[in-house]
Amino acid sequence: MNRCKQCHHTNLLMVSSLRYVFFMSVFPVVIAMAIGLLAEKIFFLFIPAIILTNIVLAKKKAPIILCKDCRHVETPQTRPAKETV
């Protein structure tokens, strides 16, 4: 059973890479679309770059484990490496 490394509670939330990409891309894509519609069409070219950047970042950062009790955040960079015997 997974437990928080700080408070040892089991009330955890796991953010997958797909969820990370979705939540980190929605607002910038909507803003790029709004500016593209209202001001300049060239902003539509930023949409694929926003999505691709977030996919690359998700591969490095996700899965993120959040403790709902103490708000401790654990990413692959902060997790200890698995020991090989």
N, C-alpha and C. Protein backbone atom coordinates (compact mmCIF):
# COMPACT_ATOMS: atom_id res chain seq x y z
N MET A 1 0.84 -1.17 0.00
CA MET A 1 0.00 0.00 0.00
C MET A 1 0.89 1.24 0.00
N ASN A 2 0.55 2.21 -0.83
CA ASN A 2 1.34 3.44 -0.91
C ASN A 2 1.02 4.36 0.25
N ARG A 3 2.07 4.94 0.81
CA ARG A 3 1.93 5.88 1.91
C ARG A 3 2.76 7.11 1.61
N CYS A 4 2.34 8.23 2.18
CA CYS A 4 3.08 9.47 2.05
C CYS A 4 4.42 9.33 2.79
N LYS A 5 5.47 9.86 2.19
CA LYS A 5 6.80 9.75 2.80
C LYS A 5 6.94 10.66 4.03
N GLN A 6 6.13 11.74 4.11
CA GLN A 6 6.25 12.66 5.24
C GLN A 6 5.30 12.33 6.38
N CYS A 7 3.99 12.20 6.06
CA CYS A 7 3.01 12.01 7.14
C CYS A 7 2.51 10.57 7.27
N HIS A 8 2.89 9.69 6.33
CA HIS A 8 2.54 8.26 6.34
C HIS A 8 1.05 7.98 6.22
N HIS A 9 0.27 8.93 5.69
CA HIS A 9 -1.14 8.68 5.42
C HIS A 9 -1.29 8.02 4.04
N THR A 10 -2.42 7.40 3.81
CA THR A 10 -2.67 6.72 2.54
C THR A 10 -3.58 7.52 1.62
N ASN A 11 -3.89 8.75 1.97
CA ASN A 11 -4.78 9.60 1.19
C ASN A 11 -3.97 10.29 0.09
N LEU A 12 -3.69 9.54 -1.00
CA LEU A 12 -2.83 10.03 -2.06
C LEU A 12 -3.59 10.23 -3.36
N LEU A 13 -3.10 11.15 -4.18
CA LEU A 13 -3.64 11.39 -5.51
C LEU A 13 -2.50 11.23 -6.50
N MET A 14 -2.70 10.40 -7.53
CA MET A 14 -1.66 10.19 -8.53
C MET A 14 -2.06 10.88 -9.82
N VAL A 15 -1.20 11.77 -10.32
CA VAL A 15 -1.45 12.49 -11.56
C VAL A 15 -0.66 11.78 -12.66
N SER A 16 -1.39 11.17 -13.59
CA SER A 16 -0.74 10.45 -14.70
C SER A 16 -0.23 11.45 -15.74
N SER A 17 0.56 10.96 -16.68
CA SER A 17 1.10 11.85 -17.71
C SER A 17 0.01 12.40 -18.62
N LEU A 18 -1.01 11.62 -18.93
CA LEU A 18 -2.11 12.11 -19.76
C LEU A 18 -2.87 13.23 -19.04
N ARG A 19 -3.12 13.03 -17.78
CA ARG A 19 -3.81 14.06 -16.99
C ARG A 19 -2.96 15.32 -16.87
N TYR A 20 -1.64 15.15 -16.71
CA TYR A 20 -0.72 16.28 -16.63
C TYR A 20 -0.76 17.09 -17.93
N VAL A 21 -0.67 16.41 -19.07
CA VAL A 21 -0.70 17.09 -20.37
C VAL A 21 -2.01 17.83 -20.54
N PHE A 22 -3.12 17.19 -20.20
CA PHE A 22 -4.43 17.82 -20.37
C PHE A 22 -4.55 19.10 -19.53
N PHE A 23 -4.25 19.00 -18.25
CA PHE A 23 -4.43 20.15 -17.37
C PHE A 23 -3.43 21.27 -17.64
N MET A 24 -2.23 20.94 -18.07
CA MET A 24 -1.23 21.97 -18.33
C MET A 24 -1.40 22.59 -19.72
N SER A 25 -2.17 21.97 -20.62
CA SER A 25 -2.32 22.47 -21.97
C SER A 25 -3.62 23.22 -22.22
N VAL A 26 -4.65 22.95 -21.45
CA VAL A 26 -5.97 23.52 -21.75
C VAL A 26 -5.95 25.04 -21.75
N PHE A 27 -5.49 25.66 -20.69
CA PHE A 27 -5.53 27.12 -20.59
C PHE A 27 -4.68 27.81 -21.66
N PRO A 28 -3.40 27.40 -21.85
CA PRO A 28 -2.62 28.05 -22.91
C PRO A 28 -3.20 27.85 -24.31
N VAL A 29 -3.78 26.68 -24.59
CA VAL A 29 -4.38 26.44 -25.91
C VAL A 29 -5.61 27.31 -26.09
N VAL A 30 -6.44 27.45 -25.07
CA VAL A 30 -7.63 28.30 -25.17
C VAL A 30 -7.22 29.76 -25.39
N ILE A 31 -6.20 30.22 -24.68
CA ILE A 31 -5.72 31.59 -24.86
C ILE A 31 -5.16 31.79 -26.27
N ALA A 32 -4.38 30.84 -26.77
CA ALA A 32 -3.84 30.94 -28.13
C ALA A 32 -4.96 30.95 -29.16
N MET A 33 -6.01 30.16 -28.94
CA MET A 33 -7.14 30.16 -29.86
C MET A 33 -7.89 31.48 -29.82
N ALA A 34 -8.08 32.03 -28.62
CA ALA A 34 -8.80 33.29 -28.49
C ALA A 34 -8.02 34.43 -29.16
N ILE A 35 -6.72 34.48 -28.93
CA ILE A 35 -5.91 35.52 -29.57
C ILE A 35 -5.87 35.32 -31.08
N GLY A 36 -5.82 34.05 -31.50
CA GLY A 36 -5.84 33.75 -32.94
C GLY A 36 -7.12 34.18 -33.60
N LEU A 37 -8.24 34.00 -32.92
CA LEU A 37 -9.52 34.41 -33.48
C LEU A 37 -9.72 35.92 -33.45
N LEU A 38 -9.30 36.54 -32.36
CA LEU A 38 -9.57 37.97 -32.18
C LEU A 38 -8.50 38.88 -32.79
N ALA A 39 -7.25 38.49 -32.78
CA ALA A 39 -6.19 39.42 -33.17
C ALA A 39 -5.41 38.94 -34.39
N GLU A 40 -4.64 37.91 -34.22
CA GLU A 40 -3.69 37.51 -35.26
C GLU A 40 -3.73 35.99 -35.45
N LYS A 41 -3.87 35.56 -36.68
CA LYS A 41 -4.01 34.13 -37.00
C LYS A 41 -2.73 33.34 -36.73
N ILE A 42 -1.60 33.99 -36.65
CA ILE A 42 -0.33 33.28 -36.44
C ILE A 42 -0.28 32.59 -35.08
N PHE A 43 -1.11 33.00 -34.13
CA PHE A 43 -1.11 32.37 -32.81
C PHE A 43 -1.61 30.93 -32.85
N PHE A 44 -2.29 30.55 -33.93
CA PHE A 44 -2.70 29.15 -34.07
C PHE A 44 -1.49 28.23 -34.23
N LEU A 45 -0.37 28.77 -34.69
CA LEU A 45 0.84 27.96 -34.84
C LEU A 45 1.46 27.60 -33.49
N PHE A 46 1.11 28.31 -32.43
CA PHE A 46 1.65 28.01 -31.11
C PHE A 46 0.98 26.79 -30.46
N ILE A 47 -0.20 26.42 -30.91
CA ILE A 47 -0.95 25.34 -30.27
C ILE A 47 -0.19 24.00 -30.31
N PRO A 48 0.32 23.56 -31.47
CA PRO A 48 1.09 22.29 -31.45
C PRO A 48 2.34 22.38 -30.57
N ALA A 49 2.99 23.55 -30.56
CA ALA A 49 4.18 23.70 -29.72
C ALA A 49 3.84 23.60 -28.24
N ILE A 50 2.72 24.17 -27.83
CA ILE A 50 2.28 24.09 -26.44
C ILE A 50 2.04 22.64 -26.05
N ILE A 51 1.33 21.92 -26.89
CA ILE A 51 0.99 20.53 -26.59
C ILE A 51 2.25 19.64 -26.58
N LEU A 52 3.12 19.82 -27.57
CA LEU A 52 4.35 19.01 -27.62
C LEU A 52 5.27 19.30 -26.44
N THR A 53 5.37 20.55 -26.05
CA THR A 53 6.18 20.90 -24.88
C THR A 53 5.65 20.23 -23.63
N ASN A 54 4.34 20.22 -23.46
CA ASN A 54 3.76 19.59 -22.28
C ASN A 54 3.88 18.08 -22.31
N ILE A 55 3.89 17.49 -23.50
CA ILE A 55 4.11 16.04 -23.59
C ILE A 55 5.53 15.70 -23.16
N VAL A 56 6.51 16.48 -23.60
CA VAL A 56 7.90 16.24 -23.22
C VAL A 56 8.07 16.41 -21.70
N LEU A 57 7.47 17.46 -21.15
CA LEU A 57 7.56 17.68 -19.71
C LEU A 57 6.86 16.57 -18.93
N ALA A 58 5.75 16.07 -19.43
CA ALA A 58 5.02 14.99 -18.75
C ALA A 58 5.85 13.71 -18.69
N LYS A 59 6.63 13.46 -19.73
CA LYS A 59 7.49 12.27 -19.71
C LYS A 59 8.54 12.34 -18.62
N LYS A 60 8.98 13.57 -18.29
CA LYS A 60 9.98 13.74 -17.25
C LYS A 60 9.36 13.80 -15.86
N LYS A 61 8.21 14.45 -15.71
CA LYS A 61 7.65 14.74 -14.39
C LYS A 61 6.60 13.76 -13.91
N ALA A 62 5.82 13.19 -14.80
CA ALA A 62 4.72 12.34 -14.38
C ALA A 62 5.21 10.92 -14.18
N PRO A 63 4.63 10.11 -13.36
CA PRO A 63 3.49 10.38 -12.50
C PRO A 63 3.87 11.18 -11.25
N ILE A 64 3.02 12.10 -10.91
CA ILE A 64 3.21 12.91 -9.71
C ILE A 64 2.28 12.36 -8.64
N ILE A 65 2.82 12.17 -7.45
CA ILE A 65 2.01 11.66 -6.33
C ILE A 65 1.85 12.79 -5.32
N LEU A 66 0.60 13.14 -5.03
CA LEU A 66 0.28 14.22 -4.10
C LEU A 66 -0.42 13.64 -2.88
N CYS A 67 0.03 14.07 -1.70
CA CYS A 67 -0.65 13.69 -0.46
C CYS A 67 -1.73 14.73 -0.20
N LYS A 68 -2.95 14.29 -0.04
CA LYS A 68 -4.06 15.22 0.20
C LYS A 68 -4.07 15.76 1.62
N ASP A 69 -3.38 15.10 2.53
CA ASP A 69 -3.37 15.54 3.93
C ASP A 69 -2.32 16.60 4.20
N CYS A 70 -1.07 16.33 3.83
CA CYS A 70 0.01 17.27 4.15
C CYS A 70 0.51 18.06 2.93
N ARG A 71 -0.05 17.79 1.74
CA ARG A 71 0.31 18.48 0.49
C ARG A 71 1.73 18.19 0.01
N HIS A 72 2.29 17.07 0.45
CA HIS A 72 3.62 16.67 0.00
C HIS A 72 3.53 16.23 -1.46
N VAL A 73 4.50 16.66 -2.29
CA VAL A 73 4.53 16.32 -3.71
C VAL A 73 5.75 15.45 -3.98
N GLU A 74 5.52 14.35 -4.66
CA GLU A 74 6.60 13.44 -5.00
C GLU A 74 6.61 13.23 -6.51
N THR A 75 7.73 13.53 -7.15
CA THR A 75 7.90 13.34 -8.58
C THR A 75 8.96 12.27 -8.81
N PRO A 76 9.13 11.82 -10.06
CA PRO A 76 10.19 10.83 -10.31
C PRO A 76 11.58 11.32 -9.91
N GLN A 77 11.82 12.63 -9.97
CA GLN A 77 13.12 13.16 -9.59
C GLN A 77 13.34 13.09 -8.08
N THR A 78 12.29 13.17 -7.28
CA THR A 78 12.44 13.15 -5.82
C THR A 78 12.34 11.75 -5.24
N ARG A 79 11.89 10.77 -6.02
CA ARG A 79 11.80 9.40 -5.53
C ARG A 79 13.18 8.77 -5.48
N PRO A 80 13.43 7.96 -4.47
CA PRO A 80 14.72 7.26 -4.44
C PRO A 80 14.78 6.21 -5.55
N ALA A 81 15.96 5.99 -6.06
CA ALA A 81 16.14 4.99 -7.13
C ALA A 81 15.87 3.60 -6.56
N LYS A 82 15.32 2.73 -7.41
CA LYS A 82 15.05 1.35 -6.99
C LYS A 82 16.37 0.61 -6.86
N GLU A 83 16.47 -0.12 -5.78
CA GLU A 83 17.69 -0.88 -5.53
C GLU A 83 17.66 -2.18 -6.34
N THR A 84 18.77 -2.49 -6.98
CA THR A 84 18.87 -3.75 -7.70
C THR A 84 19.78 -4.67 -6.91
N VAL A 85 19.31 -5.89 -6.75
CA VAL A 85 20.07 -6.85 -5.93
C VAL A 85 20.74 -7.85 -6.83
